[in-house]
Amino acid sequence: MTVIYESEDREGTKTREYYVVDAIPKKPRKLPREAYHDSFRELTGQMRLSLQAITPLYVGSGGYEFDSEGIYLPFARRSSELIIPGSSLKGVIRSYAEALSPSCFGGECQGETFCPCCAIFGAKDYSGRVSCLDAEPSDEYSTKTVEIKVRWGKKNRDRRGRRLYYHGDIWEAEKDTGERVEVVPAGTQFHFDLLFKNLAEWELGLLILAMGLSPQHRFELKMGGGKNRGLGSIRFELSEIQARQSKNSFSSFHIQTESLQVDKLVKIYFKKFPRYEEDIKQLIRDFHSRTKPEEDGLQ
């Protein structure tokens, strides 16, 4: 079931802001032995990845800046250089992994049982087995400020589900009526590494699926600020996976990134949770079908 939420602009015009889909029922389990940090029984290594902005992208620094036109929200930086923090990358990957698995909402698991994503990404008193390094621009880049419409809708907390955002054009505001943010333009590319420790093949398959990297299940994700105003559509690309499988093995091997090998890991994931395979595939199809609010009958 899908529920569509709307807000209003300053003139009272209603706009569809996001949609919520039913969550796959959580399936907690006792943490397997290989998931403990003193175990080296499964796959440990890294993915080399790139990220391309499909629409202008804003990842905030948490502060404010001023220019000749006034106040604006700047893009994140480290020592004056543009970055996407690893924590932001991990967060967006986790949110999609949660939606595509029988997992909880953002680390709710406690005690001795964990859903798939809490076991992979971490929960209270458990640090998880995946981390992302900060993403840096791959080439020369530019930024600009855009003024986006301000939300005026009521907060909707009466429905529990996965909140998803439309892909489409920026909902720009007239001058001095919206919120100014610093963005990188569409086409800007970043590169980063994702590090993983003691992941089973099905867990690696879930990561690949959640980043839209499976050739059979490609999709674009949303990240950063202004997702409900047309910002933040991105696409991940996988360059390489390096992994080793035991503590005493000094040799490493490469998992081929061709369609057959990557999809093999995704198939292993689906075999882990066959009951939810069709629900997951339908959700991915839903990602594709909701590219613009007008497709839900909006004006």
C-alpha atoms as a PDB file:
ATOM      1  CA  MET A   1       0.000   0.000   0.000  1.00  0.00           C
ATOM      2  CA  THR A   2       1.221   3.495  -0.887  1.00  0.00           C
ATOM      3  CA  VAL A   3       0.157   6.719   0.846  1.00  0.00           C
ATOM      4  CA  ILE A   4       1.043  10.081  -0.719  1.00  0.00           C
ATOM      5  CA  TYR A   5       1.612  13.124   1.505  1.00  0.00           C
ATOM      6  CA  GLU A   6       1.252  16.735   0.447  1.00  0.00           C
ATOM      7  CA  SER A   7       2.253  20.175   1.696  1.00  0.00           C
ATOM      8  CA  GLU A   8       1.441  23.758   0.729  1.00  0.00           C
ATOM      9  CA  ASP A   9       3.498  26.634  -0.603  1.00  0.00           C
ATOM     10  CA  ARG A  10       3.098  30.249   0.536  1.00  0.00           C
ATOM     11  CA  GLU A  11       0.164  30.758  -1.837  1.00  0.00           C
ATOM     12  CA  GLY A  12      -1.629  27.715  -0.447  1.00  0.00           C
ATOM     13  CA  THR A  13      -1.053  25.561  -3.532  1.00  0.00           C
ATOM     14  CA  LYS A  14      -0.903  21.913  -2.557  1.00  0.00           C
ATOM     15  CA  THR A  15       2.072  19.875  -3.712  1.00  0.00           C
ATOM     16  CA  ARG A  16       2.839  16.208  -3.280  1.00  0.00           C
ATOM     17  CA  GLU A  17       5.960  15.971  -1.184  1.00  0.00           C
ATOM     18  CA  TYR A  18       6.771  12.283  -0.728  1.00  0.00           C
ATOM     19  CA  TYR A  19       5.149   8.890  -0.557  1.00  0.00           C
ATOM     20  CA  VAL A  20       5.232   6.146   2.060  1.00  0.00           C
ATOM     21  CA  VAL A  21       5.190   2.423   1.295  1.00  0.00           C
ATOM     22  CA  ASP A  22       4.587  -0.478   3.628  1.00  0.00           C
ATOM     23  CA  ALA A  23       7.688  -1.777   5.374  1.00  0.00           C
ATOM     24  CA  ILE A  24       8.714  -5.404   4.959  1.00  0.00           C
ATOM     25  CA  PRO A  25       8.069  -7.066   8.349  1.00  0.00           C
ATOM     26  CA  LYS A  26      11.140  -7.053  10.567  1.00  0.00           C
ATOM     27  CA  LYS A  27      12.857 -10.398  11.032  1.00  0.00           C
ATOM     28  CA  PRO A  28      15.301 -10.213  13.969  1.00  0.00           C
ATOM     29  CA  ARG A  29      17.660 -13.062  14.738  1.00  0.00           C
ATOM     30  CA  LYS A  30      20.430 -13.815  17.162  1.00  0.00           C
ATOM     31  CA  LEU A  31      23.677 -12.236  16.022  1.00  0.00           C
ATOM     32  CA  PRO A  32      25.658 -14.939  14.180  1.00  0.00           C
ATOM     33  CA  ARG A  33      29.154 -15.768  15.368  1.00  0.00           C
ATOM     34  CA  GLU A  34      30.760 -14.386  12.223  1.00  0.00           C
ATOM     35  CA  ALA A  35      29.252 -10.970  12.952  1.00  0.00           C
ATOM     36  CA  TYR A  36      31.334 -10.521  16.099  1.00  0.00           C
ATOM     37  CA  HIS A  37      34.333  -8.262  15.682  1.00  0.00           C
ATOM     38  CA  ASP A  38      36.843 -10.890  16.818  1.00  0.00           C
ATOM     39  CA  SER A  39      35.779 -13.236  14.028  1.00  0.00           C
ATOM     40  CA  PHE A  40      37.262 -13.362  10.530  1.00  0.00           C
ATOM     41  CA  ARG A  41      35.209 -16.159   8.996  1.00  0.00           C
ATOM     42  CA  GLU A  42      33.464 -14.227   6.237  1.00  0.00           C
ATOM     43  CA  LEU A  43      34.347 -11.629   3.597  1.00  0.00           C
ATOM     44  CA  THR A  44      36.426  -8.611   4.602  1.00  0.00           C
ATOM     45  CA  GLY A  45      37.494  -5.936   2.141  1.00  0.00           C
ATOM     46  CA  GLN A  46      36.402  -2.816   0.309  1.00  0.00           C
ATOM     47  CA  MET A  47      34.315  -1.548  -2.574  1.00  0.00           C
ATOM     48  CA  ARG A  48      35.619   1.224  -4.784  1.00  0.00           C
ATOM     49  CA  LEU A  49      32.657   3.350  -5.784  1.00  0.00           C
ATOM     50  CA  SER A  50      31.694   6.529  -7.558  1.00  0.00           C
ATOM     51  CA  LEU A  51      28.628   8.706  -7.154  1.00  0.00           C
ATOM     52  CA  GLN A  52      27.117  10.928  -9.826  1.00  0.00           C
ATOM     53  CA  ALA A  53      24.629  13.709  -9.173  1.00  0.00           C
ATOM     54  CA  ILE A  54      21.647  13.247 -11.509  1.00  0.00           C
ATOM     55  CA  THR A  55      19.993  16.425 -10.237  1.00  0.00           C
ATOM     56  CA  PRO A  56      21.696  19.216  -8.258  1.00  0.00           C
ATOM     57  CA  LEU A  57      22.907  17.821  -4.940  1.00  0.00           C
ATOM     58  CA  TYR A  58      23.040  19.490  -1.533  1.00  0.00           C
ATOM     59  CA  VAL A  59      24.738  17.817   1.442  1.00  0.00           C
ATOM     60  CA  GLY A  60      24.800  20.312   4.265  1.00  0.00           C
ATOM     61  CA  SER A  61      27.607  21.273   6.606  1.00  0.00           C
ATOM     62  CA  GLY A  62      25.254  21.990   9.503  1.00  0.00           C
ATOM     63  CA  GLY A  63      26.031  25.702   9.492  1.00  0.00           C
ATOM     64  CA  TYR A  64      25.204  28.941   7.683  1.00  0.00           C
ATOM     65  CA  GLU A  65      27.200  31.280   5.437  1.00  0.00           C
ATOM     66  CA  PHE A  66      26.650  34.776   4.064  1.00  0.00           C
ATOM     67  CA  ASP A  67      27.267  36.286   0.637  1.00  0.00           C
ATOM     68  CA  SER A  68      26.163  39.425  -1.186  1.00  0.00           C
ATOM     69  CA  GLU A  69      22.631  38.046  -1.541  1.00  0.00           C
ATOM     70  CA  GLY A  70      22.230  37.082   2.097  1.00  0.00           C
ATOM     71  CA  ILE A  71      22.265  33.891   4.135  1.00  0.00           C
ATOM     72  CA  TYR A  72      22.550  30.393   2.654  1.00  0.00           C
ATOM     73  CA  LEU A  73      23.206  26.794   3.693  1.00  0.00           C
ATOM     74  CA  PRO A  74      26.665  25.701   2.473  1.00  0.00           C
ATOM     75  CA  PHE A  75      27.752  22.325   1.124  1.00  0.00           C
ATOM     76  CA  ALA A  76      29.859  20.168   3.449  1.00  0.00           C
ATOM     77  CA  ARG A  77      33.623  20.743   3.389  1.00  0.00           C
ATOM     78  CA  ARG A  78      36.793  19.492   5.045  1.00  0.00           C
ATOM     79  CA  SER A  79      39.648  22.007   5.193  1.00  0.00           C
ATOM     80  CA  SER A  80      37.820  24.112   2.594  1.00  0.00           C
ATOM     81  CA  GLU A  81      37.563  21.160   0.178  1.00  0.00           C
ATOM     82  CA  LEU A  82      34.162  19.857  -0.862  1.00  0.00           C
ATOM     83  CA  ILE A  83      33.229  16.414   0.526  1.00  0.00           C
ATOM     84  CA  ILE A  84      30.270  14.150   1.165  1.00  0.00           C
ATOM     85  CA  PRO A  85      30.807  12.818   4.712  1.00  0.00           C
ATOM     86  CA  GLY A  86      31.096   9.073   5.043  1.00  0.00           C
ATOM     87  CA  SER A  87      28.357   9.152   7.662  1.00  0.00           C
ATOM     88  CA  SER A  88      25.961  10.645   5.088  1.00  0.00           C
ATOM     89  CA  LEU A  89      26.844   7.940   2.570  1.00  0.00           C
ATOM     90  CA  LYS A  90      26.395   5.186   5.129  1.00  0.00           C
ATOM     91  CA  GLY A  91      23.072   6.687   6.154  1.00  0.00           C
ATOM     92  CA  VAL A  92      21.564   6.746   2.672  1.00  0.00           C
ATOM     93  CA  ILE A  93      22.803   3.227   1.890  1.00  0.00           C
ATOM     94  CA  ARG A  94      21.359   1.982   5.162  1.00  0.00           C
ATOM     95  CA  SER A  95      17.974   3.605   4.525  1.00  0.00           C
ATOM     96  CA  TYR A  96      17.613   1.803   1.197  1.00  0.00           C
ATOM     97  CA  ALA A  97      18.965  -1.454   2.628  1.00  0.00           C
ATOM     98  CA  GLU A  98      16.337  -1.234   5.381  1.00  0.00           C
ATOM     99  CA  ALA A  99      13.591  -0.676   2.817  1.00  0.00           C
ATOM    100  CA  LEU A 100      14.744  -3.676   0.760  1.00  0.00           C
ATOM    101  CA  SER A 101      15.056  -6.124   3.651  1.00  0.00           C
ATOM    102  CA  PRO A 102      13.101  -7.343   6.703  1.00  0.00           C
ATOM    103  CA  SER A 103      14.739  -4.699   8.895  1.00  0.00           C
ATOM    104  CA  CYS A 104      13.773  -2.140  11.525  1.00  0.00           C
ATOM    105  CA  PHE A 105      13.882   1.654  11.312  1.00  0.00           C
ATOM    106  CA  GLY A 106      17.335   3.166  11.849  1.00  0.00           C
ATOM    107  CA  GLY A 107      18.849   0.967  14.531  1.00  0.00           C
ATOM    108  CA  GLU A 108      15.933   0.144  16.809  1.00  0.00           C
ATOM    109  CA  CYS A 109      17.198  -3.358  17.621  1.00  0.00           C
ATOM    110  CA  GLN A 110      18.561  -3.962  21.117  1.00  0.00           C
ATOM    111  CA  GLY A 111      19.719  -6.893  23.193  1.00  0.00           C
ATOM    112  CA  GLU A 112      20.852 -10.120  21.541  1.00  0.00           C
ATOM    113  CA  THR A 113      18.652 -10.119  18.421  1.00  0.00           C
ATOM    114  CA  PHE A 114      19.274  -7.974  15.357  1.00  0.00           C
ATOM    115  CA  CYS A 115      17.508  -7.393  12.064  1.00  0.00           C
ATOM    116  CA  PRO A 116      19.667  -7.721   8.907  1.00  0.00           C
ATOM    117  CA  CYS A 117      20.564  -4.013   8.736  1.00  0.00           C
ATOM    118  CA  CYS A 118      21.350  -3.591  12.432  1.00  0.00           C
ATOM    119  CA  ALA A 119      23.682  -6.589  12.140  1.00  0.00           C
ATOM    120  CA  ILE A 120      25.408  -4.996   9.125  1.00  0.00           C
ATOM    121  CA  PHE A 121      25.362  -1.257   9.914  1.00  0.00           C
ATOM    122  CA  GLY A 122      25.217  -1.268  13.703  1.00  0.00           C
ATOM    123  CA  ALA A 123      22.807  -0.619  16.561  1.00  0.00           C
ATOM    124  CA  LYS A 124      22.933   0.336  20.221  1.00  0.00           C
ATOM    125  CA  ASP A 125      26.110  -1.123  21.785  1.00  0.00           C
ATOM    126  CA  TYR A 126      27.114  -2.694  18.445  1.00  0.00           C
ATOM    127  CA  SER A 127      29.237  -0.772  15.941  1.00  0.00           C
ATOM    128  CA  GLY A 128      28.404  -2.741  12.825  1.00  0.00           C
ATOM    129  CA  ARG A 129      30.628  -4.030  10.047  1.00  0.00           C
ATOM    130  CA  VAL A 130      30.341  -1.407   7.313  1.00  0.00           C
ATOM    131  CA  SER A 131      31.834   2.083   7.077  1.00  0.00           C
ATOM    132  CA  CYS A 132      32.251   4.646   4.312  1.00  0.00           C
ATOM    133  CA  LEU A 133      35.154   7.013   3.760  1.00  0.00           C
ATOM    134  CA  ASP A 134      34.381  10.609   2.839  1.00  0.00           C
ATOM    135  CA  ALA A 135      33.601  11.058  -0.853  1.00  0.00           C
ATOM    136  CA  GLU A 136      35.722  13.573  -2.746  1.00  0.00           C
ATOM    137  CA  PRO A 137      35.104  15.151  -6.160  1.00  0.00           C
ATOM    138  CA  SER A 138      36.559  13.101  -9.005  1.00  0.00           C
ATOM    139  CA  ASP A 139      37.312  16.132 -11.205  1.00  0.00           C
ATOM    140  CA  GLU A 140      37.161  19.893 -11.161  1.00  0.00           C
ATOM    141  CA  TYR A 141      33.858  21.028  -9.757  1.00  0.00           C
ATOM    142  CA  SER A 142      31.717  24.107  -9.326  1.00  0.00           C
ATOM    143  CA  THR A 143      28.935  25.065  -6.937  1.00  0.00           C
ATOM    144  CA  LYS A 144      26.078  27.526  -7.031  1.00  0.00           C
ATOM    145  CA  THR A 145      23.263  28.604  -4.739  1.00  0.00           C
ATOM    146  CA  VAL A 146      19.656  27.857  -5.612  1.00  0.00           C
ATOM    147  CA  GLU A 147      16.518  29.039  -3.863  1.00  0.00           C
ATOM    148  CA  ILE A 148      14.061  26.234  -3.182  1.00  0.00           C
ATOM    149  CA  LYS A 149      10.497  26.408  -1.932  1.00  0.00           C
ATOM    150  CA  VAL A 150       9.906  26.256   1.801  1.00  0.00           C
ATOM    151  CA  ARG A 151       7.636  23.543   3.156  1.00  0.00           C
ATOM    152  CA  TRP A 152       4.445  24.538   4.905  1.00  0.00           C
ATOM    153  CA  GLY A 153       2.829  21.146   5.407  1.00  0.00           C
ATOM    154  CA  LYS A 154       1.941  19.465   8.667  1.00  0.00           C
ATOM    155  CA  LYS A 155       4.222  16.732   9.892  1.00  0.00           C
ATOM    156  CA  ASN A 156       2.754  13.314   9.183  1.00  0.00           C
ATOM    157  CA  ARG A 157       3.616  10.819  11.872  1.00  0.00           C
ATOM    158  CA  ASP A 158       0.449   8.755  11.858  1.00  0.00           C
ATOM    159  CA  ARG A 159       1.713   6.181   9.384  1.00  0.00           C
ATOM    160  CA  ARG A 160       4.715   3.904   9.853  1.00  0.00           C
ATOM    161  CA  GLY A 161       6.427   2.947   6.629  1.00  0.00           C
ATOM    162  CA  ARG A 162       9.323   3.741   4.335  1.00  0.00           C
ATOM    163  CA  ARG A 163       9.381   7.360   3.209  1.00  0.00           C
ATOM    164  CA  LEU A 164      10.467   7.780  -0.419  1.00  0.00           C
ATOM    165  CA  TYR A 165      10.904  10.855  -2.598  1.00  0.00           C
ATOM    166  CA  TYR A 166      10.130  11.666  -6.211  1.00  0.00           C
ATOM    167  CA  HIS A 167      12.789  12.164  -8.865  1.00  0.00           C
ATOM    168  CA  GLY A 168      12.169  15.290 -10.908  1.00  0.00           C
ATOM    169  CA  ASP A 169      12.993  18.930 -11.500  1.00  0.00           C
ATOM    170  CA  ILE A 170      13.918  21.385  -8.743  1.00  0.00           C
ATOM    171  CA  TRP A 171      10.995  23.198  -7.174  1.00  0.00           C
ATOM    172  CA  GLU A 172      12.639  26.617  -7.266  1.00  0.00           C
ATOM    173  CA  ALA A 173      11.181  29.578  -5.415  1.00  0.00           C
ATOM    174  CA  GLU A 174      10.893  33.173  -6.503  1.00  0.00           C
ATOM    175  CA  LYS A 175      13.695  35.377  -5.242  1.00  0.00           C
ATOM    176  CA  ASP A 176      13.611  36.080  -1.494  1.00  0.00           C
ATOM    177  CA  THR A 177      10.685  33.713  -0.879  1.00  0.00           C
ATOM    178  CA  GLY A 178      12.517  30.423  -0.315  1.00  0.00           C
ATOM    179  CA  GLU A 179      15.590  28.884   1.264  1.00  0.00           C
ATOM    180  CA  ARG A 180      19.004  29.271  -0.380  1.00  0.00           C
ATOM    181  CA  VAL A 181      21.288  26.237  -0.474  1.00  0.00           C
ATOM    182  CA  GLU A 182      24.673  25.581  -2.068  1.00  0.00           C
ATOM    183  CA  VAL A 183      24.568  22.713  -4.560  1.00  0.00           C
ATOM    184  CA  VAL A 184      26.829  20.923  -6.985  1.00  0.00           C
ATOM    185  CA  PRO A 185      25.240  20.724 -10.448  1.00  0.00           C
ATOM    186  CA  ALA A 186      23.939  17.600 -12.133  1.00  0.00           C
ATOM    187  CA  GLY A 187      26.786  15.548 -13.592  1.00  0.00           C
ATOM    188  CA  THR A 188      29.228  16.186 -10.733  1.00  0.00           C
ATOM    189  CA  GLN A 189      31.034  12.998  -9.713  1.00  0.00           C
ATOM    190  CA  PHE A 190      32.533  11.892  -6.406  1.00  0.00           C
ATOM    191  CA  HIS A 191      34.545   8.794  -5.499  1.00  0.00           C
ATOM    192  CA  PHE A 192      34.857   6.917  -2.214  1.00  0.00           C
ATOM    193  CA  ASP A 193      35.564   3.538  -0.626  1.00  0.00           C
ATOM    194  CA  LEU A 194      33.138   1.424   1.366  1.00  0.00           C
ATOM    195  CA  LEU A 195      34.859  -0.849   3.896  1.00  0.00           C
ATOM    196  CA  PHE A 196      33.262  -4.068   5.113  1.00  0.00           C
ATOM    197  CA  LYS A 197      34.227  -6.705   7.672  1.00  0.00           C
ATOM    198  CA  ASN A 198      32.994 -10.280   8.090  1.00  0.00           C
ATOM    199  CA  LEU A 199      30.083  -9.966   5.676  1.00  0.00           C
ATOM    200  CA  ALA A 200      28.368 -13.078   4.417  1.00  0.00           C
ATOM    201  CA  GLU A 201      27.731 -13.256   0.672  1.00  0.00           C
ATOM    202  CA  TRP A 202      24.032 -12.517   1.153  1.00  0.00           C
ATOM    203  CA  GLU A 203      24.888  -9.400   3.192  1.00  0.00           C
ATOM    204  CA  LEU A 204      27.190  -8.180   0.430  1.00  0.00           C
ATOM    205  CA  GLY A 205      24.359  -8.881  -2.001  1.00  0.00           C
ATOM    206  CA  LEU A 206      22.028  -6.671   0.047  1.00  0.00           C
ATOM    207  CA  LEU A 207      24.550  -3.808  -0.065  1.00  0.00           C
ATOM    208  CA  ILE A 208      24.851  -4.143  -3.848  1.00  0.00           C
ATOM    209  CA  LEU A 209      21.077  -4.205  -4.226  1.00  0.00           C
ATOM    210  CA  ALA A 210      20.571  -1.218  -1.889  1.00  0.00           C
ATOM    211  CA  MET A 211      22.978   0.959  -3.880  1.00  0.00           C
ATOM    212  CA  GLY A 212      21.195   0.189  -7.143  1.00  0.00           C
ATOM    213  CA  LEU A 213      24.295  -1.612  -8.450  1.00  0.00           C
ATOM    214  CA  SER A 214      22.684  -4.846  -9.625  1.00  0.00           C
ATOM    215  CA  PRO A 215      22.390  -4.664 -13.441  1.00  0.00           C
ATOM    216  CA  GLN A 216      19.040  -6.440 -13.190  1.00  0.00           C
ATOM    217  CA  HIS A 217      17.727  -4.052 -10.529  1.00  0.00           C
ATOM    218  CA  ARG A 218      19.187  -0.625 -11.274  1.00  0.00           C
ATOM    219  CA  PHE A 219      17.670   2.502  -9.746  1.00  0.00           C
ATOM    220  CA  GLU A 220      18.613   6.008  -8.672  1.00  0.00           C
ATOM    221  CA  LEU A 221      18.649   7.015  -5.009  1.00  0.00           C
ATOM    222  CA  LYS A 222      17.916  10.246  -3.166  1.00  0.00           C
ATOM    223  CA  MET A 223      20.255  11.798  -0.615  1.00  0.00           C
ATOM    224  CA  GLY A 224      21.049  15.071   1.105  1.00  0.00           C
ATOM    225  CA  GLY A 225      18.815  18.060   1.754  1.00  0.00           C
ATOM    226  CA  GLY A 226      15.878  19.171  -0.369  1.00  0.00           C
ATOM    227  CA  LYS A 227      14.951  15.664  -1.496  1.00  0.00           C
ATOM    228  CA  ASN A 228      11.297  16.666  -1.460  1.00  0.00           C
ATOM    229  CA  ARG A 229      12.067  19.673  -3.681  1.00  0.00           C
ATOM    230  CA  GLY A 230      13.848  17.926  -6.534  1.00  0.00           C
ATOM    231  CA  LEU A 231      17.397  17.911  -5.164  1.00  0.00           C
ATOM    232  CA  GLY A 232      19.517  14.870  -4.414  1.00  0.00           C
ATOM    233  CA  SER A 233      18.945  12.273  -7.140  1.00  0.00           C
ATOM    234  CA  ILE A 234      22.153  10.232  -7.413  1.00  0.00           C
ATOM    235  CA  ARG A 235      23.499   7.116  -9.083  1.00  0.00           C
ATOM    236  CA  PHE A 236      26.193   4.822  -7.683  1.00  0.00           C
ATOM    237  CA  GLU A 237      28.720   2.997  -9.880  1.00  0.00           C
ATOM    238  CA  LEU A 238      30.919   0.109  -8.749  1.00  0.00           C
ATOM    239  CA  SER A 239      34.517  -0.032  -9.978  1.00  0.00           C
ATOM    240  CA  GLU A 240      35.923  -2.899  -7.937  1.00  0.00           C
ATOM    241  CA  ILE A 241      35.388  -5.179  -4.970  1.00  0.00           C
ATOM    242  CA  GLN A 242      38.437  -6.488  -3.109  1.00  0.00           C
ATOM    243  CA  ALA A 243      37.960  -9.092  -0.392  1.00  0.00           C
ATOM    244  CA  ARG A 244      39.646 -11.822   1.638  1.00  0.00           C
ATOM    245  CA  GLN A 245      38.012 -14.605   3.567  1.00  0.00           C
ATOM    246  CA  SER A 246      40.099 -15.558   6.583  1.00  0.00           C
ATOM    247  CA  LYS A 247      42.333 -13.974   9.194  1.00  0.00           C
ATOM    248  CA  ASN A 248      45.275 -16.148   8.211  1.00  0.00           C
ATOM    249  CA  SER A 249      44.976 -15.602   4.478  1.00  0.00           C
ATOM    250  CA  PHE A 250      47.374 -12.953   3.225  1.00  0.00           C
ATOM    251  CA  SER A 251      46.202 -13.250  -0.354  1.00  0.00           C
ATOM    252  CA  SER A 252      43.257 -11.263  -1.617  1.00  0.00           C
ATOM    253  CA  PHE A 253      40.902 -11.905  -4.471  1.00  0.00           C
ATOM    254  CA  HIS A 254      38.709  -9.774  -6.659  1.00  0.00           C
ATOM    255  CA  ILE A 255      34.979 -10.264  -7.009  1.00  0.00           C
ATOM    256  CA  GLN A 256      34.283  -9.481 -10.633  1.00  0.00           C
ATOM    257  CA  THR A 257      31.937  -6.566 -11.163  1.00  0.00           C
ATOM    258  CA  GLU A 258      30.441  -7.908 -14.382  1.00  0.00           C
ATOM    259  CA  SER A 259      26.697  -8.474 -14.391  1.00  0.00           C
ATOM    260  CA  LEU A 260      26.873 -12.222 -13.768  1.00  0.00           C
ATOM    261  CA  GLN A 261      29.107 -12.020 -10.685  1.00  0.00           C
ATOM    262  CA  VAL A 262      27.396  -9.058  -9.020  1.00  0.00           C
ATOM    263  CA  ASP A 263      23.952 -10.483  -9.644  1.00  0.00           C
ATOM    264  CA  LYS A 264      25.103 -13.807  -8.198  1.00  0.00           C
ATOM    265  CA  LEU A 265      25.524 -12.103  -4.819  1.00  0.00           C
ATOM    266  CA  VAL A 266      22.082 -10.498  -5.163  1.00  0.00           C
ATOM    267  CA  LYS A 267      20.551 -13.894  -5.955  1.00  0.00           C
ATOM    268  CA  ILE A 268      22.169 -15.302  -2.818  1.00  0.00           C
ATOM    269  CA  TYR A 269      20.491 -12.499  -0.882  1.00  0.00           C
ATOM    270  CA  PHE A 270      17.079 -13.309  -2.374  1.00  0.00           C
ATOM    271  CA  LYS A 271      17.566 -16.971  -1.478  1.00  0.00           C
ATOM    272  CA  LYS A 272      18.145 -15.902   2.121  1.00  0.00           C
ATOM    273  CA  PHE A 273      14.692 -14.278   2.271  1.00  0.00           C
ATOM    274  CA  PRO A 274      12.612 -15.945  -0.478  1.00  0.00           C
ATOM    275  CA  ARG A 275       9.370 -14.927   1.201  1.00  0.00           C
ATOM    276  CA  TYR A 276      10.066 -11.253   0.494  1.00  0.00           C
ATOM    277  CA  GLU A 277      11.660 -11.476  -2.966  1.00  0.00           C
ATOM    278  CA  GLU A 278       8.600 -10.337  -4.911  1.00  0.00           C
ATOM    279  CA  ASP A 279       7.870  -7.532  -2.424  1.00  0.00           C
ATOM    280  CA  ILE A 280      11.437  -6.267  -2.802  1.00  0.00           C
ATOM    281  CA  LYS A 281      11.345  -6.413  -6.599  1.00  0.00           C
ATOM    282  CA  GLN A 282       8.013  -4.584  -6.633  1.00  0.00           C
ATOM    283  CA  LEU A 283       9.457  -1.861  -4.421  1.00  0.00           C
ATOM    284  CA  ILE A 284      12.364  -1.390  -6.842  1.00  0.00           C
ATOM    285  CA  ARG A 285       9.883  -1.126  -9.716  1.00  0.00           C
ATOM    286  CA  ASP A 286       8.093   1.495  -7.651  1.00  0.00           C
ATOM    287  CA  PHE A 287      11.343   3.476  -7.413  1.00  0.00           C
ATOM    288  CA  HIS A 288      11.334   3.663 -11.221  1.00  0.00           C
ATOM    289  CA  SER A 289       7.656   4.466 -11.672  1.00  0.00           C
ATOM    290  CA  ARG A 290       7.599   7.515  -9.404  1.00  0.00           C
ATOM    291  CA  THR A 291       9.840   9.902 -11.273  1.00  0.00           C
ATOM    292  CA  LYS A 292       7.608  12.985 -11.080  1.00  0.00           C
ATOM    293  CA  PRO A 293       4.695  14.026  -8.873  1.00  0.00           C
ATOM    294  CA  GLU A 294       2.498  14.481 -11.972  1.00  0.00           C
ATOM    295  CA  GLU A 295       2.585  10.716 -12.420  1.00  0.00           C
ATOM    296  CA  ASP A 296       0.418  10.465  -9.321  1.00  0.00           C
ATOM    297  CA  GLY A 297      -2.174  12.676 -10.966  1.00  0.00           C
ATOM    298  CA  LEU A 298      -0.907  16.022  -9.696  1.00  0.00           C
ATOM    299  CA  GLN A 299      -1.304  19.402 -11.268  1.00  0.00           C
END
